[in-house]
Amino acid sequence: MVKMMGVNLFNRGKVRRCILRVDILVPNHAIWSSLLEYPADGVSYSQLTLMRSRFPSNHVTHFGNGLPYTLRRRAVVDFESVKAFYSKPPDMHAKRRLRTDFIYAALSNSAKLTFEANIANRCDVRIVRPGIRVLRRPRTNDGNFNIVLVGGSTSDGSFFGKGGLYLIDALNRLHDTRIKLHLISNIDTARSEPEGLEFLDSEGRSWTELYKEATASGWLKDHGRVPREKALDIMASSQLAAIPAFYDTVCYSLMEAAYLGTPLLTSDTLFMKEFYGDLAAIVPAPASIFLDNGAFNPRFGEQVRVVKGDLSSKWADIISATVDTLSNVSEFKTASERAMKEFDGSIDSRNHALRELYMEVDAR
């Protein structure tokens, strides 16, 4: 058997394709697990544990969403935003030490901007946008105009950071009997955040009062936390996926919804505009965790705890106009097809970009 640079050229008369082995440490989230489900052509992933990732290896390594302490590895490190490199990400405190000999793969231009604005070093930062591919299912319609919000948790504040309270407040203003809001979330009405911070609706009431009223009246259905396939089923039976996030995120759930053909509504924040600005209905955000120049917004927490009535009214107007438009069969069909087309081939684009990075690192 003839070998060159560790690659088998011949094996019993058959030419064999070069396989690049990549060790990978992936978070428990669909945006990264899709790397294992749909690997790049010619790439074989070997999944790491956190403990194993700290030991040396000759293999190229891919660290998902941040960098743990590691020794003598050649690596690609992806990240959704610069917060992945802080040990206290909500407050942007305690910056982790970064290796300047790694390649850092930002999942968006916005993520790269926040990295450069908050971490001053000589790191090599590229952009590799995530891809999406899920099982498409038949679209259904029960006669309502169903809006779905994949809304995070109230215990860590992500429900509010994804615009959950503002969305409920705006829909409450509409009194539109066609609309039913479906929440896929982890809501605890006993508290808002670990610190016990209070969130208020536009009438100055605790958010829990508005939530309970909406649930009791029947236009809000809280599904709680559900398996991913069930969440995708709900998305496919909805006429609008609304995640008007104020956080820094690529919002993978919006990508999933678009891939399934569900039109979108989101906010005008830095990250959301980049991914969905030409595709979604856009509502103005009360604040963003990062400013337009990528710098961290230290007042973000206080800016989103009380719903502003005038802003909620603007949301209501935009949502009402969107519902009217999408209630037209031909308009919905056009929006649905445009949403699906946006992310067709995104997995292939991501895989091509990653494979190029892996080969560059492997050649070092």
Protein backbone atom coordinates (compact mmCIF):
# COMPACT_ATOMS: atom_id res chain seq x y z
CA MET A 1 0.00 0.00 0.00
CA VAL A 2 1.41 3.38 -1.02
CA LYS A 3 0.97 6.31 1.35
CA MET A 4 1.71 10.00 0.96
CA MET A 5 1.30 12.61 3.73
CA GLY A 6 -0.79 10.13 5.73
CA VAL A 7 -3.35 9.62 2.94
CA ASN A 8 -3.95 6.21 1.35
CA LEU A 9 -3.53 6.56 -2.43
CA PHE A 10 -4.23 2.96 -3.33
CA ASN A 11 -5.99 0.14 -1.54
CA ARG A 12 -6.42 -3.12 -3.44
CA GLY A 13 -6.41 -1.26 -6.72
CA LYS A 14 -9.05 1.32 -5.71
CA VAL A 15 -8.41 5.06 -5.38
CA ARG A 16 -9.65 6.33 -2.01
CA ARG A 17 -10.80 9.87 -1.25
CA CYS A 18 -8.92 11.94 1.30
CA ILE A 19 -10.87 12.30 4.55
CA LEU A 20 -10.01 15.20 6.82
CA ARG A 21 -10.65 14.28 10.44
CA VAL A 22 -11.79 17.16 12.62
CA ASP A 23 -12.24 16.97 16.40
CA ILE A 24 -15.29 19.01 17.35
CA LEU A 25 -16.70 20.34 20.62
CA VAL A 26 -20.32 21.36 20.04
CA PRO A 27 -22.90 22.99 22.36
CA ASN A 28 -26.27 21.30 22.80
CA HIS A 29 -28.08 23.46 20.27
CA ALA A 30 -29.40 22.78 16.78
CA ILE A 31 -27.25 25.50 15.24
CA TRP A 32 -24.16 23.42 16.11
CA SER A 33 -25.58 19.91 16.11
CA SER A 34 -26.34 20.42 12.41
CA LEU A 35 -22.59 20.33 11.84
CA LEU A 36 -22.65 16.68 12.89
CA GLU A 37 -25.89 15.93 11.03
CA TYR A 38 -24.65 17.47 7.77
CA PRO A 39 -20.83 17.41 7.65
CA ALA A 40 -18.87 18.91 4.79
CA ASP A 41 -17.90 16.56 1.98
CA GLY A 42 -14.57 14.92 2.81
CA VAL A 43 -14.77 15.88 6.50
CA SER A 44 -15.16 13.35 9.31
CA TYR A 45 -16.06 14.73 12.74
CA SER A 46 -14.99 13.14 16.00
CA GLN A 47 -16.99 14.60 18.86
CA LEU A 48 -15.02 15.81 21.89
CA THR A 49 -15.94 16.10 25.54
CA LEU A 50 -14.92 19.26 27.36
CA MET A 51 -12.27 17.32 29.28
CA ARG A 52 -10.75 15.77 26.16
CA SER A 53 -10.67 19.12 24.40
CA ARG A 54 -8.16 20.38 26.97
CA PHE A 55 -5.49 17.90 25.94
CA PRO A 56 -3.13 18.14 22.96
CA SER A 57 -4.01 16.67 19.56
CA ASN A 58 -2.58 16.69 16.05
CA HIS A 59 -6.08 16.85 14.56
CA VAL A 60 -7.72 20.07 13.44
CA THR A 61 -10.21 21.05 16.14
CA HIS A 62 -13.48 22.97 15.83
CA PHE A 63 -14.69 24.67 19.01
CA GLY A 64 -18.37 25.66 18.92
CA ASN A 65 -19.34 29.06 20.31
CA GLY A 66 -16.31 30.04 22.29
CA LEU A 67 -12.98 28.74 23.46
CA PRO A 68 -12.31 26.55 26.50
CA TYR A 69 -8.86 26.26 28.01
CA THR A 70 -6.83 24.06 25.69
CA LEU A 71 -3.26 22.91 24.99
CA ARG A 72 -1.39 22.50 21.71
CA ARG A 73 -4.24 22.29 19.23
CA ARG A 74 -4.76 23.81 15.80
CA ALA A 75 -8.28 25.14 15.82
CA VAL A 76 -11.21 26.94 14.30
CA VAL A 77 -13.36 28.68 16.92
CA ASP A 78 -16.86 29.79 15.90
CA PHE A 79 -19.03 32.23 17.85
CA GLU A 80 -22.48 33.77 17.68
CA SER A 81 -21.32 37.00 19.31
CA VAL A 82 -18.42 38.32 21.32
CA LYS A 83 -20.26 37.35 24.54
CA ALA A 84 -18.99 33.81 23.98
CA PHE A 85 -15.56 35.02 25.10
CA TYR A 86 -16.64 36.43 28.47
CA SER A 87 -17.07 34.34 31.60
CA LYS A 88 -19.99 36.60 32.63
CA PRO A 89 -21.59 37.22 29.23
CA PRO A 90 -24.72 39.16 30.24
CA ASP A 91 -22.56 41.85 31.86
CA MET A 92 -19.60 41.60 29.46
CA HIS A 93 -17.19 41.14 32.37
CA ALA A 94 -14.19 38.82 32.85
CA LYS A 95 -12.81 38.51 29.34
CA ARG A 96 -11.30 35.12 28.54
CA ARG A 97 -7.77 34.81 27.23
CA LEU A 98 -7.73 34.13 23.50
CA ARG A 99 -5.20 32.31 21.34
CA THR A 100 -4.01 34.43 18.44
CA ASP A 101 -2.86 31.41 16.42
CA PHE A 102 -6.44 30.12 15.94
CA ILE A 103 -8.93 31.11 13.24
CA TYR A 104 -12.12 32.63 14.66
CA ALA A 105 -15.28 32.06 12.60
CA ALA A 106 -17.97 34.65 13.30
CA LEU A 107 -21.47 33.46 12.40
CA SER A 108 -22.34 36.92 11.04
CA ASN A 109 -20.86 40.27 10.09
CA SER A 110 -22.45 41.65 13.25
CA ALA A 111 -20.68 39.05 15.40
CA LYS A 112 -17.37 40.04 13.83
CA LEU A 113 -18.13 43.71 14.50
CA THR A 114 -18.87 43.07 18.20
CA PHE A 115 -15.67 41.03 18.49
CA GLU A 116 -13.53 43.79 17.00
CA ALA A 117 -15.23 46.49 19.08
CA ASN A 118 -14.77 44.71 22.41
CA ILE A 119 -11.61 42.57 22.09
CA ALA A 120 -8.39 44.30 21.11
CA ASN A 121 -5.88 41.74 19.80
CA ARG A 122 -4.47 40.28 16.60
CA CYS A 123 -6.96 37.43 16.17
CA ASP A 124 -7.77 36.24 12.65
CA VAL A 125 -11.56 36.57 12.32
CA ARG A 126 -13.49 35.22 9.32
CA ILE A 127 -17.23 34.99 8.64
CA VAL A 128 -19.00 31.65 8.19
CA ARG A 129 -22.78 31.97 8.26
CA PRO A 130 -24.75 29.03 9.67
CA GLY A 131 -26.92 26.80 7.53
CA ILE A 132 -30.30 25.22 8.03
CA ARG A 133 -31.90 22.00 6.84
CA VAL A 134 -34.88 20.39 8.57
CA LEU A 135 -37.59 18.01 7.40
CA ARG A 136 -40.18 20.07 5.60
CA ARG A 137 -43.76 19.17 6.41
CA PRO A 138 -47.13 20.02 4.85
CA ARG A 139 -48.41 23.43 5.88
CA THR A 140 -51.69 23.41 7.77
CA ASN A 141 -54.27 26.05 8.64
CA ASP A 142 -56.93 25.75 11.36
CA GLY A 143 -58.76 28.94 10.39
CA ASN A 144 -56.90 31.19 12.83
CA PHE A 145 -54.01 33.49 12.04
CA ASN A 146 -51.40 31.71 14.13
CA ILE A 147 -48.29 33.56 15.28
CA VAL A 148 -45.49 31.58 16.92
CA LEU A 149 -42.80 32.92 19.25
CA VAL A 150 -39.92 30.67 20.28
CA GLY A 151 -39.32 32.75 23.31
CA GLY A 152 -36.62 31.48 25.63
CA SER A 153 -37.01 31.57 29.40
CA THR A 154 -38.18 34.11 31.97
CA SER A 155 -35.74 32.76 34.58
CA ASP A 156 -32.70 33.95 32.61
CA GLY A 157 -34.42 36.94 30.96
CA SER A 158 -34.20 35.52 27.41
CA PHE A 159 -37.99 35.60 26.98
CA PHE A 160 -37.93 39.37 27.45
CA GLY A 161 -34.73 39.75 25.42
CA LYS A 162 -36.47 38.02 22.51
CA GLY A 163 -39.26 40.59 22.60
CA GLY A 164 -41.84 38.33 24.26
CA LEU A 165 -43.41 40.96 26.52
CA TYR A 166 -43.54 43.64 23.84
CA LEU A 167 -45.17 41.19 21.43
CA ILE A 168 -47.89 40.21 23.91
CA ASP A 169 -48.48 43.87 24.80
CA ALA A 170 -48.82 44.86 21.12
CA LEU A 171 -51.20 42.00 20.32
CA ASN A 172 -53.28 42.90 23.38
CA ARG A 173 -53.82 46.35 21.85
CA LEU A 174 -55.16 44.90 18.61
CA HIS A 175 -58.09 42.86 19.99
CA ASP A 176 -58.00 40.98 16.69
CA THR A 177 -60.04 37.82 17.10
CA ARG A 178 -58.32 36.21 14.09
CA ILE A 179 -54.96 36.09 15.88
CA LYS A 180 -53.74 33.37 18.23
CA LEU A 181 -50.25 33.61 19.70
CA HIS A 182 -48.38 30.36 20.37
CA LEU A 183 -45.50 30.51 22.84
CA ILE A 184 -42.76 27.90 22.87
CA SER A 185 -40.98 28.98 25.99
CA ASN A 186 -40.14 28.36 29.62
CA ILE A 187 -42.28 30.85 31.52
CA ASP A 188 -42.21 31.11 35.30
CA THR A 189 -44.76 33.66 36.50
CA ALA A 190 -43.34 33.54 40.02
CA ARG A 191 -40.29 35.56 39.02
CA SER A 192 -38.74 37.46 36.13
CA GLU A 193 -35.01 36.96 36.52
CA PRO A 194 -32.74 35.45 39.17
CA GLU A 195 -32.19 38.95 40.53
CA GLY A 196 -35.95 39.39 40.97
CA LEU A 197 -36.10 42.33 38.55
CA GLU A 198 -39.59 43.51 37.65
CA PHE A 199 -40.93 43.76 34.09
CA LEU A 200 -43.95 45.98 33.43
CA ASP A 201 -46.41 46.20 30.54
CA SER A 202 -47.41 49.49 28.88
CA GLU A 203 -50.06 50.09 31.55
CA GLY A 204 -47.49 49.84 34.34
CA ARG A 205 -48.71 46.44 35.52
CA SER A 206 -46.57 43.42 36.24
CA TRP A 207 -46.08 41.41 33.04
CA THR A 208 -47.65 38.40 34.76
CA GLU A 209 -51.06 40.12 34.83
CA LEU A 210 -51.00 40.67 31.07
CA TYR A 211 -49.78 37.12 30.47
CA LYS A 212 -52.51 35.57 32.65
CA GLU A 213 -55.25 37.69 31.05
CA ALA A 214 -54.11 36.75 27.55
CA THR A 215 -53.98 33.06 28.46
CA ALA A 216 -57.41 33.13 30.14
CA SER A 217 -59.02 34.90 27.17
CA GLY A 218 -57.75 32.19 24.83
CA TRP A 219 -55.74 34.17 22.28
CA LEU A 220 -52.42 33.14 23.88
CA LYS A 221 -51.50 29.48 24.10
CA ASP A 222 -48.37 28.60 26.03
CA HIS A 223 -46.99 25.25 24.85
CA GLY A 224 -44.09 25.43 27.31
CA ARG A 225 -40.90 23.63 26.41
CA VAL A 226 -41.50 21.07 23.69
CA PRO A 227 -39.27 18.69 21.68
CA ARG A 228 -37.69 20.28 18.64
CA GLU A 229 -39.79 18.31 16.14
CA LYS A 230 -42.96 19.47 17.92
CA ALA A 231 -41.71 23.07 17.74
CA LEU A 232 -41.13 22.66 14.00
CA ASP A 233 -44.68 21.30 13.62
CA ILE A 234 -46.05 24.41 15.34
CA MET A 235 -43.95 26.64 13.08
CA ALA A 236 -45.27 24.86 10.00
CA SER A 237 -48.87 25.40 11.14
CA SER A 238 -48.33 29.12 11.79
CA GLN A 239 -48.80 32.02 9.41
CA LEU A 240 -46.10 34.15 11.04
CA ALA A 241 -42.99 33.44 13.12
CA ALA A 242 -42.38 36.45 15.34
CA ILE A 243 -39.11 36.71 17.25
CA PRO A 244 -38.38 40.44 17.59
CA ALA A 245 -35.15 39.85 19.52
CA PHE A 246 -33.12 42.58 21.19
CA TYR A 247 -30.26 40.19 21.92
CA ASP A 248 -27.24 39.45 19.74
CA THR A 249 -28.22 36.27 17.97
CA VAL A 250 -28.65 34.76 14.53
CA CYS A 251 -31.98 33.43 15.85
CA TYR A 252 -31.84 29.92 14.49
CA SER A 253 -35.56 29.43 15.14
CA LEU A 254 -36.32 32.14 12.57
CA MET A 255 -34.07 30.35 10.10
CA GLU A 256 -35.99 27.12 10.77
CA ALA A 257 -39.34 28.85 10.34
CA ALA A 258 -38.26 30.46 7.07
CA TYR A 259 -36.96 27.13 5.77
CA LEU A 260 -40.40 25.67 6.52
CA GLY A 261 -42.05 28.48 4.57
CA THR A 262 -43.36 30.56 7.47
CA PRO A 263 -43.09 34.33 6.93
CA LEU A 264 -41.17 36.27 9.58
CA LEU A 265 -41.41 39.27 11.87
CA THR A 266 -38.40 40.52 13.80
CA SER A 267 -36.73 43.64 15.18
CA ASP A 268 -34.45 46.25 13.64
CA THR A 269 -31.45 45.42 15.84
CA LEU A 270 -27.97 44.95 14.44
CA PHE A 271 -28.05 41.15 14.19
CA MET A 272 -31.67 40.77 13.08
CA LYS A 273 -31.39 43.27 10.22
CA GLU A 274 -28.38 41.42 8.81
CA PHE A 275 -30.10 38.05 8.60
CA TYR A 276 -33.74 38.97 8.01
CA GLY A 277 -33.90 42.64 6.98
CA ASP A 278 -34.88 41.89 3.37
CA LEU A 279 -37.18 39.04 4.30
CA ALA A 280 -39.21 39.95 7.40
CA ALA A 281 -41.64 42.53 8.67
CA ILE A 282 -39.57 44.74 10.98
CA VAL A 283 -40.60 46.35 14.28
CA PRO A 284 -38.49 48.99 16.08
CA ALA A 285 -36.64 47.64 19.12
CA PRO A 286 -36.68 49.60 22.41
CA ALA A 287 -32.97 48.79 22.85
CA SER A 288 -30.23 46.49 21.65
CA ILE A 289 -27.59 44.74 23.73
CA PHE A 290 -25.00 46.04 21.25
CA LEU A 291 -24.86 49.49 19.68
CA ASP A 292 -24.54 50.00 15.93
CA ASN A 293 -20.75 50.26 16.21
CA GLY A 294 -20.57 46.88 17.99
CA ALA A 295 -19.91 48.34 21.45
CA PHE A 296 -21.74 46.82 24.40
CA ASN A 297 -24.78 48.78 25.63
CA PRO A 298 -24.45 48.99 29.43
CA ARG A 299 -28.01 50.32 29.82
CA PHE A 300 -29.66 47.50 27.93
CA GLY A 301 -31.19 45.80 30.99
CA GLU A 302 -33.01 48.87 32.26
CA GLN A 303 -34.15 49.89 28.76
CA VAL A 304 -36.22 46.75 28.14
CA ARG A 305 -37.89 46.24 31.51
CA VAL A 306 -40.80 48.62 30.95
CA VAL A 307 -42.88 48.51 27.77
CA LYS A 308 -43.18 51.95 26.16
CA GLY A 309 -46.77 52.58 25.13
CA ASP A 310 -45.99 54.55 21.96
CA LEU A 311 -43.57 51.86 20.77
CA SER A 312 -46.07 49.10 21.55
CA SER A 313 -48.62 50.97 19.41
CA LYS A 314 -46.16 51.05 16.50
CA TRP A 315 -45.67 47.31 16.88
CA ALA A 316 -49.44 46.80 16.86
CA ASP A 317 -49.80 48.81 13.64
CA ILE A 318 -47.02 46.88 11.89
CA ILE A 319 -48.36 43.52 13.05
CA SER A 320 -51.90 44.44 11.97
CA ALA A 321 -50.70 45.43 8.49
CA THR A 322 -48.65 42.21 8.25
CA VAL A 323 -51.62 40.07 9.26
CA ASP A 324 -53.84 41.81 6.70
CA THR A 325 -51.29 41.21 3.95
CA LEU A 326 -50.58 37.58 4.80
CA SER A 327 -54.30 36.78 5.13
CA ASN A 328 -54.40 37.10 1.34
CA VAL A 329 -53.69 33.64 -0.10
CA SER A 330 -51.50 34.83 -2.98
CA GLU A 331 -49.55 37.23 -0.74
CA PHE A 332 -48.90 34.47 1.78
CA LYS A 333 -47.76 32.08 -0.96
CA THR A 334 -45.30 34.65 -2.30
CA ALA A 335 -43.91 35.41 1.19
CA SER A 336 -43.69 31.71 2.05
CA GLU A 337 -41.79 30.82 -1.12
CA ARG A 338 -39.42 33.76 -0.66
CA ALA A 339 -38.70 32.67 2.92
CA MET A 340 -37.89 29.10 1.87
CA LYS A 341 -35.67 30.24 -0.99
CA GLU A 342 -33.60 32.47 1.30
CA PHE A 343 -31.99 29.54 3.12
CA ASP A 344 -31.98 26.87 0.42
CA GLY A 345 -28.39 25.76 -0.04
CA SER A 346 -27.24 27.44 3.17
CA ILE A 347 -25.87 24.16 4.56
CA ASP A 348 -23.77 23.69 1.41
CA SER A 349 -22.43 27.25 1.61
CA ARG A 350 -21.53 26.79 5.27
CA ASN A 351 -19.83 23.45 4.63
CA HIS A 352 -17.77 24.82 1.76
CA ALA A 353 -16.55 27.72 3.89
CA LEU A 354 -15.73 25.49 6.87
CA ARG A 355 -13.88 22.93 4.78
CA GLU A 356 -11.70 25.71 3.35
CA LEU A 357 -10.86 26.83 6.89
CA TYR A 358 -10.13 23.27 8.05
CA MET A 359 -7.76 22.72 5.14
CA GLU A 360 -6.00 26.01 5.83
CA VAL A 361 -5.50 25.09 9.49
CA ASP A 362 -4.44 21.54 8.59
CA ALA A 363 -1.73 22.87 6.28
CA ARG A 364 -0.07 24.84 9.08
